[in-house]
C-alpha atoms as a PDB file:
ATOM      1  CA  MET A   1      36.587  12.685  -1.934  1.00  0.00           C
ATOM      2  CA  PRO A   2      37.777  10.725   0.964  1.00  0.00           C
ATOM      3  CA  LEU A   3      37.382   6.809   0.735  1.00  0.00           C
ATOM      4  CA  GLN A   4      35.846   5.253   3.185  1.00  0.00           C
ATOM      5  CA  GLN A   5      34.071   2.192   3.855  1.00  0.00           C
ATOM      6  CA  LYS A   6      30.351   2.717   4.423  1.00  0.00           C
ATOM      7  CA  LYS A   7      27.215   0.758   4.199  1.00  0.00           C
ATOM      8  CA  THR A   8      25.653   1.893   0.700  1.00  0.00           C
ATOM      9  CA  LYS A   9      22.630   0.384  -0.702  1.00  0.00           C
ATOM     10  CA  TYR A  10      23.089   0.320  -4.634  1.00  0.00           C
ATOM     11  CA  LYS A  11      20.418  -0.307  -7.238  1.00  0.00           C
ATOM     12  CA  ARG A  12      20.320  -4.098  -8.017  1.00  0.00           C
ATOM     13  CA  GLY A  13      23.190  -5.531 -10.058  1.00  0.00           C
ATOM     14  CA  PHE A  14      25.022  -2.202 -10.123  1.00  0.00           C
ATOM     15  CA  LYS A  15      28.223  -3.504  -8.562  1.00  0.00           C
ATOM     16  CA  LYS A  16      28.284  -6.622 -11.353  1.00  0.00           C
ATOM     17  CA  TRP A  17      27.391  -3.834 -14.039  1.00  0.00           C
ATOM     18  CA  SER A  18      30.418  -1.723 -13.148  1.00  0.00           C
ATOM     19  CA  ASP A  19      32.689  -4.972 -13.130  1.00  0.00           C
ATOM     20  CA  GLU A  20      31.647  -5.779 -16.492  1.00  0.00           C
ATOM     21  CA  LYS A  21      31.715  -2.022 -17.780  1.00  0.00           C
ATOM     22  CA  VAL A  22      35.250  -1.450 -16.455  1.00  0.00           C
ATOM     23  CA  ILE A  23      36.514  -4.384 -18.563  1.00  0.00           C
ATOM     24  CA  GLU A  24      34.451  -3.724 -21.573  1.00  0.00           C
ATOM     25  CA  LEU A  25      36.232  -0.083 -21.738  1.00  0.00           C
ATOM     26  CA  ARG A  26      39.667  -1.975 -21.152  1.00  0.00           C
ATOM     27  CA  ASN A  27      38.705  -4.271 -24.074  1.00  0.00           C
ATOM     28  CA  GLN A  28      37.724  -1.425 -26.118  1.00  0.00           C
ATOM     29  CA  LEU A  29      40.774   0.133 -25.687  1.00  0.00           C
ATOM     30  CA  GLY A  30      42.780  -2.972 -26.577  1.00  0.00           C
ATOM     31  CA  LEU A  31      43.753  -3.246 -22.642  1.00  0.00           C
ATOM     32  CA  TYR A  32      43.742  -6.644 -20.349  1.00  0.00           C
ATOM     33  CA  PRO A  33      41.088  -6.436 -17.858  1.00  0.00           C
ATOM     34  CA  SER A  34      44.130  -6.312 -15.487  1.00  0.00           C
ATOM     35  CA  SER A  35      45.711  -3.398 -17.160  1.00  0.00           C
ATOM     36  CA  PRO A  36      46.278  -0.036 -15.797  1.00  0.00           C
ATOM     37  CA  LEU A  37      43.988   2.572 -17.260  1.00  0.00           C
ATOM     38  CA  CYS A  38      45.090   6.235 -17.695  1.00  0.00           C
ATOM     39  CA  ALA A  39      41.740   8.664 -17.169  1.00  0.00           C
ATOM     40  CA  PHE A  40      43.211  11.145 -19.510  1.00  0.00           C
ATOM     41  CA  LYS A  41      43.300   8.308 -22.360  1.00  0.00           C
ATOM     42  CA  LEU A  42      39.714   7.262 -21.297  1.00  0.00           C
ATOM     43  CA  CYS A  43      38.589  10.926 -21.707  1.00  0.00           C
ATOM     44  CA  GLU A  44      40.030  11.135 -25.023  1.00  0.00           C
ATOM     45  CA  PHE A  45      38.683   7.750 -25.929  1.00  0.00           C
ATOM     46  CA  LEU A  46      35.098   8.936 -25.059  1.00  0.00           C
ATOM     47  CA  LYS A  47      35.809  12.194 -26.663  1.00  0.00           C
ATOM     48  CA  ILE A  48      35.218  14.191 -23.438  1.00  0.00           C
ATOM     49  CA  PRO A  49      37.607  17.420 -23.388  1.00  0.00           C
ATOM     50  CA  ILE A  50      39.689  18.302 -20.243  1.00  0.00           C
ATOM     51  CA  LEU A  51      40.052  21.800 -19.224  1.00  0.00           C
ATOM     52  CA  GLU A  52      42.083  23.652 -16.614  1.00  0.00           C
ATOM     53  CA  PRO A  53      40.714  26.539 -14.962  1.00  0.00           C
ATOM     54  CA  SER A  54      43.300  28.619 -16.904  1.00  0.00           C
ATOM     55  CA  SER A  55      41.731  27.556 -20.153  1.00  0.00           C
ATOM     56  CA  VAL A  56      38.232  28.591 -19.080  1.00  0.00           C
ATOM     57  CA  GLN A  57      37.438  31.894 -20.777  1.00  0.00           C
ATOM     58  CA  GLY A  58      35.993  34.652 -18.609  1.00  0.00           C
ATOM     59  CA  LEU A  59      37.963  33.851 -15.391  1.00  0.00           C
ATOM     60  CA  SER A  60      39.719  36.802 -13.871  1.00  0.00           C
ATOM     61  CA  GLU A  61      43.398  36.762 -12.553  1.00  0.00           C
ATOM     62  CA  GLU A  62      42.007  36.912  -8.935  1.00  0.00           C
ATOM     63  CA  GLN A  63      39.377  33.789  -9.497  1.00  0.00           C
ATOM     64  CA  LEU A  64      42.289  31.879 -11.161  1.00  0.00           C
ATOM     65  CA  ASN A  65      44.581  32.533  -8.400  1.00  0.00           C
ATOM     66  CA  GLU A  66      41.945  31.277  -5.821  1.00  0.00           C
ATOM     67  CA  LEU A  67      40.938  28.210  -8.005  1.00  0.00           C
ATOM     68  CA  LEU A  68      44.731  27.186  -8.195  1.00  0.00           C
ATOM     69  CA  GLY A  69      46.345  28.918  -5.041  1.00  0.00           C
ATOM     70  CA  ASN A  70      44.362  28.813  -1.718  1.00  0.00           C
ATOM     71  CA  GLY A  71      41.066  27.174  -2.761  1.00  0.00           C
ATOM     72  CA  SER A  72      42.792  24.425  -4.656  1.00  0.00           C
ATOM     73  CA  ILE A  73      42.171  22.139  -1.715  1.00  0.00           C
ATOM     74  CA  HIS A  74      38.212  22.842  -2.037  1.00  0.00           C
ATOM     75  CA  TRP A  75      37.561  21.347  -5.514  1.00  0.00           C
ATOM     76  CA  SER A  76      38.721  18.420  -7.812  1.00  0.00           C
ATOM     77  CA  ALA A  77      36.766  18.167 -10.840  1.00  0.00           C
ATOM     78  CA  ALA A  78      33.508  19.113 -12.446  1.00  0.00           C
ATOM     79  CA  THR A  79      31.648  17.644 -15.268  1.00  0.00           C
ATOM     80  CA  ILE A  80      29.703  20.317 -17.381  1.00  0.00           C
ATOM     81  CA  PRO A  81      26.997  18.828 -19.305  1.00  0.00           C
ATOM     82  CA  LEU A  82      26.590  20.479 -22.861  1.00  0.00           C
ATOM     83  CA  LYS A  83      24.033  19.921 -25.534  1.00  0.00           C
ATOM     84  CA  GLU A  84      23.424  16.495 -27.258  1.00  0.00           C
ATOM     85  CA  GLY A  85      24.759  14.361 -24.626  1.00  0.00           C
ATOM     86  CA  LYS A  86      28.377  15.834 -24.710  1.00  0.00           C
ATOM     87  CA  TYR A  87      30.318  17.013 -21.719  1.00  0.00           C
ATOM     88  CA  ILE A  88      33.509  18.836 -20.677  1.00  0.00           C
ATOM     89  CA  ILE A  89      35.500  18.135 -17.638  1.00  0.00           C
ATOM     90  CA  VAL A  90      36.993  20.850 -15.653  1.00  0.00           C
ATOM     91  CA  HIS A  91      40.095  19.603 -13.559  1.00  0.00           C
ATOM     92  CA  ASN A  92      42.450  20.753 -10.921  1.00  0.00           C
ATOM     93  CA  PRO A  93      46.041  20.425 -12.128  1.00  0.00           C
ATOM     94  CA  THR A  94      47.761  21.284  -8.737  1.00  0.00           C
ATOM     95  CA  HIS A  95      46.388  17.715  -7.203  1.00  0.00           C
ATOM     96  CA  SER A  96      48.899  15.103  -7.391  1.00  0.00           C
ATOM     97  CA  PRO A  97      48.925  12.765 -10.383  1.00  0.00           C
ATOM     98  CA  ALA A  98      47.321   9.858  -8.407  1.00  0.00           C
ATOM     99  CA  ARG A  99      44.508  12.476  -7.197  1.00  0.00           C
ATOM    100  CA  GLN A 100      43.959  13.634 -10.570  1.00  0.00           C
ATOM    101  CA  GLN A 101      43.377  10.089 -11.977  1.00  0.00           C
ATOM    102  CA  SER A 102      41.172   9.611  -9.211  1.00  0.00           C
ATOM    103  CA  ASN A 103      39.203  12.907 -10.077  1.00  0.00           C
ATOM    104  CA  LEU A 104      38.857  12.196 -13.296  1.00  0.00           C
ATOM    105  CA  MET A 105      37.686   8.631 -13.019  1.00  0.00           C
ATOM    106  CA  HIS A 106      35.200   9.731 -10.623  1.00  0.00           C
ATOM    107  CA  GLU A 107      33.631  12.453 -13.008  1.00  0.00           C
ATOM    108  CA  LEU A 108      33.764  10.040 -15.877  1.00  0.00           C
ATOM    109  CA  ALA A 109      31.856   7.612 -13.690  1.00  0.00           C
ATOM    110  CA  HIS A 110      28.920  10.165 -13.599  1.00  0.00           C
ATOM    111  CA  ILE A 111      28.980  10.537 -17.580  1.00  0.00           C
ATOM    112  CA  ILE A 112      29.251   6.802 -17.868  1.00  0.00           C
ATOM    113  CA  CYS A 113      26.496   6.244 -15.383  1.00  0.00           C
ATOM    114  CA  GLU A 114      24.517   9.007 -17.194  1.00  0.00           C
ATOM    115  CA  HIS A 115      23.511  10.865 -14.206  1.00  0.00           C
ATOM    116  CA  LYS A 116      21.376  13.782 -14.863  1.00  0.00           C
ATOM    117  CA  VAL A 117      21.235  17.152 -13.706  1.00  0.00           C
ATOM    118  CA  SER A 118      17.898  18.157 -12.265  1.00  0.00           C
ATOM    119  CA  GLU A 119      16.115  20.862 -14.277  1.00  0.00           C
ATOM    120  CA  LYS A 120      15.917  23.231 -11.399  1.00  0.00           C
ATOM    121  CA  THR A 121      19.699  22.852 -10.797  1.00  0.00           C
ATOM    122  CA  LYS A 122      20.282  23.597 -14.413  1.00  0.00           C
ATOM    123  CA  THR A 123      18.177  26.991 -14.285  1.00  0.00           C
ATOM    124  CA  THR A 124      20.541  28.124 -11.597  1.00  0.00           C
ATOM    125  CA  GLY A 125      23.444  28.092 -14.057  1.00  0.00           C
ATOM    126  CA  LEU A 126      27.128  26.741 -13.772  1.00  0.00           C
ATOM    127  CA  SER A 127      27.487  27.629  -9.863  1.00  0.00           C
ATOM    128  CA  GLY A 128      24.263  25.850  -8.904  1.00  0.00           C
ATOM    129  CA  PHE A 129      25.396  22.689 -10.812  1.00  0.00           C
ATOM    130  CA  LEU A 130      28.826  22.751  -9.013  1.00  0.00           C
ATOM    131  CA  ARG A 131      27.088  23.035  -5.769  1.00  0.00           C
ATOM    132  CA  SER A 132      24.286  19.991  -6.316  1.00  0.00           C
ATOM    133  CA  LEU A 133      24.765  16.837  -4.777  1.00  0.00           C
ATOM    134  CA  ASP A 134      22.854  13.823  -5.204  1.00  0.00           C
ATOM    135  CA  ILE A 135      23.906  11.473  -2.712  1.00  0.00           C
ATOM    136  CA  GLU A 136      22.853   8.224  -4.536  1.00  0.00           C
ATOM    137  CA  GLN A 137      24.821   9.764  -7.487  1.00  0.00           C
ATOM    138  CA  GLU A 138      27.667  10.335  -5.763  1.00  0.00           C
ATOM    139  CA  ASP A 139      27.753   6.801  -4.078  1.00  0.00           C
ATOM    140  CA  GLU A 140      27.554   5.324  -7.547  1.00  0.00           C
ATOM    141  CA  ALA A 141      30.385   7.737  -9.083  1.00  0.00           C
ATOM    142  CA  GLU A 142      32.786   6.804  -6.223  1.00  0.00           C
ATOM    143  CA  TRP A 143      32.210   3.017  -6.652  1.00  0.00           C
ATOM    144  CA  LEU A 144      32.345   3.144 -10.504  1.00  0.00           C
ATOM    145  CA  GLY A 145      35.264   5.538 -10.311  1.00  0.00           C
ATOM    146  CA  SER A 146      37.174   3.244  -8.072  1.00  0.00           C
ATOM    147  CA  CYS A 147      36.776   0.431 -10.216  1.00  0.00           C
ATOM    148  CA  LEU A 148      37.740   1.969 -13.196  1.00  0.00           C
ATOM    149  CA  GLN A 149      41.024   2.913 -11.696  1.00  0.00           C
ATOM    150  CA  LEU A 150      41.373  -0.550  -9.743  1.00  0.00           C
ATOM    151  CA  PRO A 151      39.258  -3.206 -11.120  1.00  0.00           C
ATOM    152  CA  ARG A 152      38.745  -6.762  -9.448  1.00  0.00           C
ATOM    153  CA  PRO A 153      41.252  -8.429 -12.087  1.00  0.00           C
ATOM    154  CA  ALA A 154      43.893  -5.916 -11.315  1.00  0.00           C
ATOM    155  CA  LEU A 155      43.354  -6.537  -7.592  1.00  0.00           C
ATOM    156  CA  LEU A 156      43.429 -10.533  -7.944  1.00  0.00           C
ATOM    157  CA  TYR A 157      46.785 -10.055 -10.580  1.00  0.00           C
ATOM    158  CA  SER A 158      48.763  -7.562  -8.038  1.00  0.00           C
ATOM    159  CA  LEU A 159      47.854  -9.958  -5.000  1.00  0.00           C
ATOM    160  CA  LYS A 160      48.679 -13.048  -6.874  1.00  0.00           C
ATOM    161  CA  LYS A 161      51.858 -11.277  -7.955  1.00  0.00           C
ATOM    162  CA  ARG A 162      52.577 -10.690  -4.213  1.00  0.00           C
ATOM    163  CA  MET A 163      52.635  -6.695  -5.022  1.00  0.00           C
ATOM    164  CA  THR A 164      52.933  -4.344  -1.956  1.00  0.00           C
ATOM    165  CA  PHE A 165      50.499  -1.710  -1.563  1.00  0.00           C
ATOM    166  CA  GLU A 166      53.130   0.731  -2.527  1.00  0.00           C
ATOM    167  CA  GLU A 167      53.660  -1.325  -5.710  1.00  0.00           C
ATOM    168  CA  ILE A 168      50.160  -1.517  -6.954  1.00  0.00           C
ATOM    169  CA  ALA A 169      49.718   2.345  -6.363  1.00  0.00           C
ATOM    170  CA  GLU A 170      52.703   2.779  -8.411  1.00  0.00           C
ATOM    171  CA  HIS A 171      51.465   0.589 -11.155  1.00  0.00           C
ATOM    172  CA  TYR A 172      47.881   1.646 -11.284  1.00  0.00           C
ATOM    173  CA  LYS A 173      49.149   5.374 -10.733  1.00  0.00           C
ATOM    174  CA  CYS A 174      46.527   5.747  -7.725  1.00  0.00           C
ATOM    175  CA  SER A 175      46.789   6.326  -3.996  1.00  0.00           C
ATOM    176  CA  ILE A 176      47.823   3.600  -1.473  1.00  0.00           C
ATOM    177  CA  GLU A 177      44.509   4.764   0.228  1.00  0.00           C
ATOM    178  CA  MET A 178      42.627   3.657  -2.902  1.00  0.00           C
ATOM    179  CA  VAL A 179      44.302   0.318  -3.005  1.00  0.00           C
ATOM    180  CA  GLN A 180      43.612  -0.480   0.754  1.00  0.00           C
ATOM    181  CA  TYR A 181      40.043   0.832  -0.057  1.00  0.00           C
ATOM    182  CA  ARG A 182      39.511  -1.527  -3.142  1.00  0.00           C
ATOM    183  CA  ILE A 183      41.249  -4.551  -1.416  1.00  0.00           C
ATOM    184  CA  ASN A 184      39.138  -4.306   1.541  1.00  0.00           C
ATOM    185  CA  ILE A 185      35.725  -3.111  -0.120  1.00  0.00           C
ATOM    186  CA  THR A 186      36.224  -5.945  -2.781  1.00  0.00           C
ATOM    187  CA  GLY A 187      37.064  -8.992  -0.447  1.00  0.00           C
ATOM    188  CA  VAL A 188      39.456 -10.150  -2.963  1.00  0.00           C
ATOM    189  CA  THR A 189      41.724 -11.386  -0.120  1.00  0.00           C
ATOM    190  CA  ARG A 190      39.066 -13.714   1.020  1.00  0.00           C
ATOM    191  CA  GLN A 191      38.295 -14.764  -2.704  1.00  0.00           C
ATOM    192  CA  LEU A 192      41.987 -15.712  -2.875  1.00  0.00           C
ATOM    193  CA  ALA A 193      42.204 -17.537   0.306  1.00  0.00           C
ATOM    194  CA  TYR A 194      39.121 -19.457  -0.593  1.00  0.00           C
ATOM    195  CA  LYS A 195      40.773 -20.695  -3.872  1.00  0.00           C
ATOM    196  CA  LYS A 196      44.048 -21.970  -2.007  1.00  0.00           C
ATOM    197  CA  ASN A 197      41.975 -24.312   0.363  1.00  0.00           C
END
């Protein structure tokens, strides 16, 4: 999903809750608020299995070739709800490591936010679920997913250390675009400038 600054209205308190949630999860994993967090390890901690298309039973060779070949640019990952509040995530292993981190964090954000799939969508089966789109839920998942990758304490830590965007991206296993987006959207540079005055 392309990162872009847009005027999005979130539920009251959602951004503050997101900032607190990503620190809480890091604490539970024994990490500092500014520590890098691997999406694969977070999935393991939350007991959410991650599958690649090749592990999904019933897919033909032709379907696999489409998902992992020419069609791989058209999908990133998908959360599949199971019974009793459990989930699995199917992800695209052909994307870059940084993109895979972002893809998984986005899907984890849907789960952490407890986003629901409509009953109508559930009755259409998996294909209907994968095609469903709730703009409010997608905006929340984009916000929380990016917070999971690069929380405010990580940005402040990195900028205080005078790390370049490239160094931040390497340290936190994310794209340079994600670094730029998070710095712009959070206003951390203004916060640091204010503290200097």
